[in-house]
């Protein structure tokens, strides 16, 4: 009767809602120990074909002292990747976020697939990230003036907090948020 039909419809809706809100199978939760790191000491390193080809500052804030430290950073990071990281990994092409402490020790914060991480001050379609490397030097890019500071979808420290408000109260809001995130436009809608 009518009661059976309502029960069937109700369970079908519950199943559909569960299916839509289930995370993808390749999603995982990563828990990291909190450390109070200085953003001026965080860098994104691009390794292609077992060779460090580029380094960019991770923070999109201008730090006056960084341009003066490029040569020292290049040297420390080249040695670290050549002697410690590249021989230890089986994948020849990847992106690593690192922290260089005040004693010039390098710490790996994160490893990502090449092409998945924001290239920051570089572009994956241009040298040195596209594979055409000029000369043998690792290219290091840091912001050289306050005018270069720019907001990025991947780096929230320069954007007003309200730009990150998203509607997660409905399936449509979640889908719109995911679409915006994939397009790099998170915060572009309310």
C-alpha atoms as a PDB file:
ATOM      1  CA  UNK A   1       0.000   0.000   0.000  1.00  0.00           C
ATOM      2  CA  UNK A   2       0.777   3.629   0.425  1.00  0.00           C
ATOM      3  CA  UNK A   3       2.967   3.044   3.479  1.00  0.00           C
ATOM      4  CA  UNK A   4       5.262   0.672   1.570  1.00  0.00           C
ATOM      5  CA  UNK A   5       5.750   3.183  -1.254  1.00  0.00           C
ATOM      6  CA  UNK A   6       6.685   5.971   1.158  1.00  0.00           C
ATOM      7  CA  UNK A   7       9.174   3.719   2.908  1.00  0.00           C
ATOM      8  CA  UNK A   8      10.749   2.694  -0.398  1.00  0.00           C
ATOM      9  CA  UNK A   9      11.030   6.316  -1.589  1.00  0.00           C
ATOM     10  CA  UNK A  10      12.491   7.379   1.761  1.00  0.00           C
ATOM     11  CA  UNK A  11      15.207   4.703   1.714  1.00  0.00           C
ATOM     12  CA  UNK A  12      16.055   5.527  -1.913  1.00  0.00           C
ATOM     13  CA  UNK A  13      16.526   9.201  -0.936  1.00  0.00           C
ATOM     14  CA  UNK A  14      18.703   8.249   2.023  1.00  0.00           C
ATOM     15  CA  UNK A  15      20.848   6.044  -0.259  1.00  0.00           C
ATOM     16  CA  UNK A  16      21.156   8.837  -2.856  1.00  0.00           C
ATOM     17  CA  UNK A  17      22.178  11.365  -0.211  1.00  0.00           C
ATOM     18  CA  UNK A  18      24.769   8.955   1.197  1.00  0.00           C
ATOM     19  CA  UNK A  19      26.146   8.318  -2.274  1.00  0.00           C
ATOM     20  CA  UNK A  20      26.449  12.016  -3.153  1.00  0.00           C
ATOM     21  CA  UNK A  21      28.120  13.004   0.104  1.00  0.00           C
ATOM     22  CA  UNK A  22      30.565  10.079   0.268  1.00  0.00           C
ATOM     23  CA  UNK A  23      34.151  11.199  -0.284  1.00  0.00           C
ATOM     24  CA  UNK A  24      36.004   9.967  -3.365  1.00  0.00           C
ATOM     25  CA  UNK A  25      37.957   6.745  -2.830  1.00  0.00           C
ATOM     26  CA  UNK A  26      41.308   8.459  -3.420  1.00  0.00           C
ATOM     27  CA  UNK A  27      40.709  11.051  -0.695  1.00  0.00           C
ATOM     28  CA  UNK A  28      42.780  10.728   2.467  1.00  0.00           C
ATOM     29  CA  UNK A  29      43.175  12.681   5.683  1.00  0.00           C
ATOM     30  CA  UNK A  30      46.677  13.920   6.451  1.00  0.00           C
ATOM     31  CA  UNK A  31      47.438  15.034   9.987  1.00  0.00           C
ATOM     32  CA  UNK A  32      50.583  17.056  10.498  1.00  0.00           C
ATOM     33  CA  UNK A  33      52.245  18.303  13.638  1.00  0.00           C
ATOM     34  CA  UNK A  34      51.741  22.050  14.032  1.00  0.00           C
ATOM     35  CA  UNK A  35      54.899  24.127  13.858  1.00  0.00           C
ATOM     36  CA  UNK A  36      55.098  27.890  13.938  1.00  0.00           C
ATOM     37  CA  UNK A  37      57.008  28.447  10.704  1.00  0.00           C
ATOM     38  CA  UNK A  38      58.149  31.767   9.292  1.00  0.00           C
ATOM     39  CA  UNK A  39      56.520  32.147   5.848  1.00  0.00           C
ATOM     40  CA  UNK A  40      59.674  33.808   4.489  1.00  0.00           C
ATOM     41  CA  UNK A  41      61.520  30.502   4.972  1.00  0.00           C
ATOM     42  CA  UNK A  42      59.049  28.282   3.055  1.00  0.00           C
ATOM     43  CA  UNK A  43      59.799  27.355  -0.557  1.00  0.00           C
ATOM     44  CA  UNK A  44      58.281  25.230  -3.319  1.00  0.00           C
ATOM     45  CA  UNK A  45      60.877  23.161  -5.171  1.00  0.00           C
ATOM     46  CA  UNK A  46      60.271  21.649  -8.606  1.00  0.00           C
ATOM     47  CA  UNK A  47      62.178  18.477  -9.508  1.00  0.00           C
ATOM     48  CA  UNK A  48      62.008  17.270 -13.102  1.00  0.00           C
ATOM     49  CA  UNK A  49      63.810  14.157 -14.382  1.00  0.00           C
ATOM     50  CA  UNK A  50      65.723  13.800 -11.087  1.00  0.00           C
ATOM     51  CA  UNK A  51      67.011  17.372 -11.244  1.00  0.00           C
ATOM     52  CA  UNK A  52      66.012  20.377  -9.156  1.00  0.00           C
ATOM     53  CA  UNK A  53      65.026  22.909 -11.831  1.00  0.00           C
ATOM     54  CA  UNK A  54      63.208  25.680  -9.955  1.00  0.00           C
ATOM     55  CA  UNK A  55      62.509  27.116  -6.511  1.00  0.00           C
ATOM     56  CA  UNK A  56      59.837  29.677  -5.617  1.00  0.00           C
ATOM     57  CA  UNK A  57      58.953  31.317  -2.350  1.00  0.00           C
ATOM     58  CA  UNK A  58      55.652  29.871  -1.108  1.00  0.00           C
ATOM     59  CA  UNK A  59      54.304  32.974   0.565  1.00  0.00           C
ATOM     60  CA  UNK A  60      52.874  35.601  -1.708  1.00  0.00           C
ATOM     61  CA  UNK A  61      54.067  38.389   0.559  1.00  0.00           C
ATOM     62  CA  UNK A  62      57.095  40.490  -0.318  1.00  0.00           C
ATOM     63  CA  UNK A  63      59.995  39.965   2.109  1.00  0.00           C
ATOM     64  CA  UNK A  64      62.691  42.598   1.692  1.00  0.00           C
ATOM     65  CA  UNK A  65      65.567  40.311   2.722  1.00  0.00           C
ATOM     66  CA  UNK A  66      64.793  37.380   0.380  1.00  0.00           C
ATOM     67  CA  UNK A  67      66.264  38.741  -2.885  1.00  0.00           C
ATOM     68  CA  UNK A  68      69.638  39.109  -1.102  1.00  0.00           C
ATOM     69  CA  UNK A  69      69.545  35.450   0.010  1.00  0.00           C
ATOM     70  CA  UNK A  70      68.938  33.789  -3.379  1.00  0.00           C
ATOM     71  CA  UNK A  71      72.486  32.487  -3.918  1.00  0.00           C
ATOM     72  CA  UNK A  72      72.709  30.963  -0.441  1.00  0.00           C
ATOM     73  CA  UNK A  73      69.273  29.379  -0.755  1.00  0.00           C
ATOM     74  CA  UNK A  74      70.093  27.980  -4.198  1.00  0.00           C
ATOM     75  CA  UNK A  75      73.258  26.362  -2.859  1.00  0.00           C
ATOM     76  CA  UNK A  76      71.615  24.845   0.231  1.00  0.00           C
ATOM     77  CA  UNK A  77      68.599  23.526  -1.693  1.00  0.00           C
ATOM     78  CA  UNK A  78      70.649  22.100  -4.589  1.00  0.00           C
ATOM     79  CA  UNK A  79      72.849  20.169  -2.135  1.00  0.00           C
ATOM     80  CA  UNK A  80      69.853  18.937  -0.115  1.00  0.00           C
ATOM     81  CA  UNK A  81      67.978  17.645  -3.164  1.00  0.00           C
ATOM     82  CA  UNK A  82      71.077  16.220  -4.881  1.00  0.00           C
ATOM     83  CA  UNK A  83      72.430  14.420  -1.797  1.00  0.00           C
ATOM     84  CA  UNK A  84      69.322  13.547   0.238  1.00  0.00           C
ATOM     85  CA  UNK A  85      65.995  13.737  -1.579  1.00  0.00           C
ATOM     86  CA  UNK A  86      66.468  12.646  -5.197  1.00  0.00           C
ATOM     87  CA  UNK A  87      68.443   9.462  -4.366  1.00  0.00           C
ATOM     88  CA  UNK A  88      65.768   8.485  -1.813  1.00  0.00           C
ATOM     89  CA  UNK A  89      62.707   8.719  -4.069  1.00  0.00           C
ATOM     90  CA  UNK A  90      61.685   6.432  -6.908  1.00  0.00           C
ATOM     91  CA  UNK A  91      59.759   9.106  -8.794  1.00  0.00           C
ATOM     92  CA  UNK A  92      61.992  11.392 -10.875  1.00  0.00           C
ATOM     93  CA  UNK A  93      59.510  14.269 -11.205  1.00  0.00           C
ATOM     94  CA  UNK A  94      57.711  15.886  -8.262  1.00  0.00           C
ATOM     95  CA  UNK A  95      57.136  19.069  -6.280  1.00  0.00           C
ATOM     96  CA  UNK A  96      58.338  19.466  -2.697  1.00  0.00           C
ATOM     97  CA  UNK A  97      57.437  22.171  -0.222  1.00  0.00           C
ATOM     98  CA  UNK A  98      60.344  22.754   2.126  1.00  0.00           C
ATOM     99  CA  UNK A  99      61.317  24.895   5.081  1.00  0.00           C
ATOM    100  CA  UNK A 100      64.835  26.273   5.511  1.00  0.00           C
ATOM    101  CA  UNK A 101      65.519  27.014   9.167  1.00  0.00           C
ATOM    102  CA  UNK A 102      67.892  29.660  10.530  1.00  0.00           C
ATOM    103  CA  UNK A 103      70.735  27.080  10.691  1.00  0.00           C
ATOM    104  CA  UNK A 104      70.142  26.377   6.969  1.00  0.00           C
ATOM    105  CA  UNK A 105      68.753  22.904   7.645  1.00  0.00           C
ATOM    106  CA  UNK A 106      66.085  21.910   5.138  1.00  0.00           C
ATOM    107  CA  UNK A 107      62.867  20.194   6.179  1.00  0.00           C
ATOM    108  CA  UNK A 108      60.368  18.628   3.773  1.00  0.00           C
ATOM    109  CA  UNK A 109      56.830  19.823   4.519  1.00  0.00           C
ATOM    110  CA  UNK A 110      54.970  18.155   1.655  1.00  0.00           C
ATOM    111  CA  UNK A 111      55.464  16.198  -1.568  1.00  0.00           C
ATOM    112  CA  UNK A 112      53.067  16.509  -4.502  1.00  0.00           C
ATOM    113  CA  UNK A 113      52.734  15.269  -8.050  1.00  0.00           C
ATOM    114  CA  UNK A 114      54.307  17.541 -10.602  1.00  0.00           C
ATOM    115  CA  UNK A 115      51.612  19.700 -12.170  1.00  0.00           C
ATOM    116  CA  UNK A 116      49.171  19.399  -9.250  1.00  0.00           C
ATOM    117  CA  UNK A 117      50.713  22.119  -7.073  1.00  0.00           C
ATOM    118  CA  UNK A 118      50.288  25.838  -7.748  1.00  0.00           C
ATOM    119  CA  UNK A 119      53.441  26.887  -9.676  1.00  0.00           C
ATOM    120  CA  UNK A 120      53.411  30.181  -7.746  1.00  0.00           C
ATOM    121  CA  UNK A 121      55.947  32.467  -9.468  1.00  0.00           C
ATOM    122  CA  UNK A 122      56.365  30.069 -12.407  1.00  0.00           C
ATOM    123  CA  UNK A 123      54.111  28.519 -15.057  1.00  0.00           C
ATOM    124  CA  UNK A 124      54.001  24.838 -16.011  1.00  0.00           C
ATOM    125  CA  UNK A 125      53.797  25.852 -19.674  1.00  0.00           C
ATOM    126  CA  UNK A 126      57.062  27.845 -19.652  1.00  0.00           C
ATOM    127  CA  UNK A 127      60.725  27.076 -18.915  1.00  0.00           C
ATOM    128  CA  UNK A 128      62.066  25.812 -16.620  1.00  0.00           C
ATOM    129  CA  UNK A 129      58.935  23.870 -15.572  1.00  0.00           C
ATOM    130  CA  UNK A 130      57.906  22.758 -19.078  1.00  0.00           C
ATOM    131  CA  UNK A 131      61.103  20.759 -19.491  1.00  0.00           C
ATOM    132  CA  UNK A 132      63.248  23.234 -21.416  1.00  0.00           C
ATOM    133  CA  UNK A 133      65.948  24.147 -18.946  1.00  0.00           C
ATOM    134  CA  UNK A 134      68.433  26.814 -19.939  1.00  0.00           C
ATOM    135  CA  UNK A 135      71.898  26.351 -18.512  1.00  0.00           C
ATOM    136  CA  UNK A 136      72.707  24.291 -15.464  1.00  0.00           C
ATOM    137  CA  UNK A 137      71.518  26.656 -12.745  1.00  0.00           C
ATOM    138  CA  UNK A 138      68.435  26.154 -10.648  1.00  0.00           C
ATOM    139  CA  UNK A 139      66.147  29.116 -11.186  1.00  0.00           C
ATOM    140  CA  UNK A 140      65.126  30.710  -7.871  1.00  0.00           C
ATOM    141  CA  UNK A 141      62.284  33.226  -7.868  1.00  0.00           C
ATOM    142  CA  UNK A 142      61.257  35.410  -4.977  1.00  0.00           C
ATOM    143  CA  UNK A 143      59.266  38.613  -4.976  1.00  0.00           C
ATOM    144  CA  UNK A 144      61.549  41.569  -5.511  1.00  0.00           C
ATOM    145  CA  UNK A 145      59.048  44.324  -4.715  1.00  0.00           C
ATOM    146  CA  UNK A 146      55.779  44.923  -2.864  1.00  0.00           C
ATOM    147  CA  UNK A 147      54.048  45.373  -6.259  1.00  0.00           C
ATOM    148  CA  UNK A 148      54.540  41.659  -7.003  1.00  0.00           C
ATOM    149  CA  UNK A 149      52.542  40.517  -3.956  1.00  0.00           C
ATOM    150  CA  UNK A 150      49.341  38.949  -5.219  1.00  0.00           C
ATOM    151  CA  UNK A 151      46.534  36.837  -3.821  1.00  0.00           C
ATOM    152  CA  UNK A 152      46.351  33.207  -4.849  1.00  0.00           C
ATOM    153  CA  UNK A 153      43.613  30.616  -4.500  1.00  0.00           C
ATOM    154  CA  UNK A 154      46.209  28.301  -2.956  1.00  0.00           C
ATOM    155  CA  UNK A 155      47.592  30.818  -0.466  1.00  0.00           C
ATOM    156  CA  UNK A 156      45.089  32.581   1.767  1.00  0.00           C
ATOM    157  CA  UNK A 157      47.283  34.960   3.767  1.00  0.00           C
ATOM    158  CA  UNK A 158      46.704  37.980   1.477  1.00  0.00           C
ATOM    159  CA  UNK A 159      42.929  37.641   0.990  1.00  0.00           C
ATOM    160  CA  UNK A 160      40.208  38.910   3.299  1.00  0.00           C
ATOM    161  CA  UNK A 161      38.742  36.015   5.286  1.00  0.00           C
ATOM    162  CA  UNK A 162      35.195  36.606   4.017  1.00  0.00           C
ATOM    163  CA  UNK A 163      36.292  35.693   0.487  1.00  0.00           C
ATOM    164  CA  UNK A 164      36.490  32.060   1.658  1.00  0.00           C
ATOM    165  CA  UNK A 165      32.930  31.734   2.882  1.00  0.00           C
ATOM    166  CA  UNK A 166      31.141  29.032   0.953  1.00  0.00           C
ATOM    167  CA  UNK A 167      27.658  27.592   1.139  1.00  0.00           C
ATOM    168  CA  UNK A 168      27.934  24.034   2.454  1.00  0.00           C
ATOM    169  CA  UNK A 169      24.344  23.806   3.633  1.00  0.00           C
ATOM    170  CA  UNK A 170      22.990  22.146   0.493  1.00  0.00           C
ATOM    171  CA  UNK A 171      24.100  19.758  -2.224  1.00  0.00           C
ATOM    172  CA  UNK A 172      23.969  22.633  -4.724  1.00  0.00           C
ATOM    173  CA  UNK A 173      26.181  24.795  -2.492  1.00  0.00           C
ATOM    174  CA  UNK A 174      28.729  22.002  -2.083  1.00  0.00           C
ATOM    175  CA  UNK A 175      28.774  21.344  -5.832  1.00  0.00           C
ATOM    176  CA  UNK A 176      29.171  25.062  -6.581  1.00  0.00           C
ATOM    177  CA  UNK A 177      32.040  25.286  -4.069  1.00  0.00           C
ATOM    178  CA  UNK A 178      33.813  22.303  -5.618  1.00  0.00           C
ATOM    179  CA  UNK A 179      33.362  23.722  -9.130  1.00  0.00           C
ATOM    180  CA  UNK A 180      34.706  27.108  -8.022  1.00  0.00           C
ATOM    181  CA  UNK A 181      37.688  25.476  -6.303  1.00  0.00           C
ATOM    182  CA  UNK A 182      38.564  23.461  -9.431  1.00  0.00           C
ATOM    183  CA  UNK A 183      38.376  26.628 -11.527  1.00  0.00           C
ATOM    184  CA  UNK A 184      40.468  28.612  -9.055  1.00  0.00           C
ATOM    185  CA  UNK A 185      37.563  30.934  -8.280  1.00  0.00           C
ATOM    186  CA  UNK A 186      36.775  29.999  -4.685  1.00  0.00           C
ATOM    187  CA  UNK A 187      35.268  33.036  -3.022  1.00  0.00           C
ATOM    188  CA  UNK A 188      34.054  34.454  -6.317  1.00  0.00           C
ATOM    189  CA  UNK A 189      30.430  33.726  -5.388  1.00  0.00           C
ATOM    190  CA  UNK A 190      28.326  34.143  -2.268  1.00  0.00           C
END
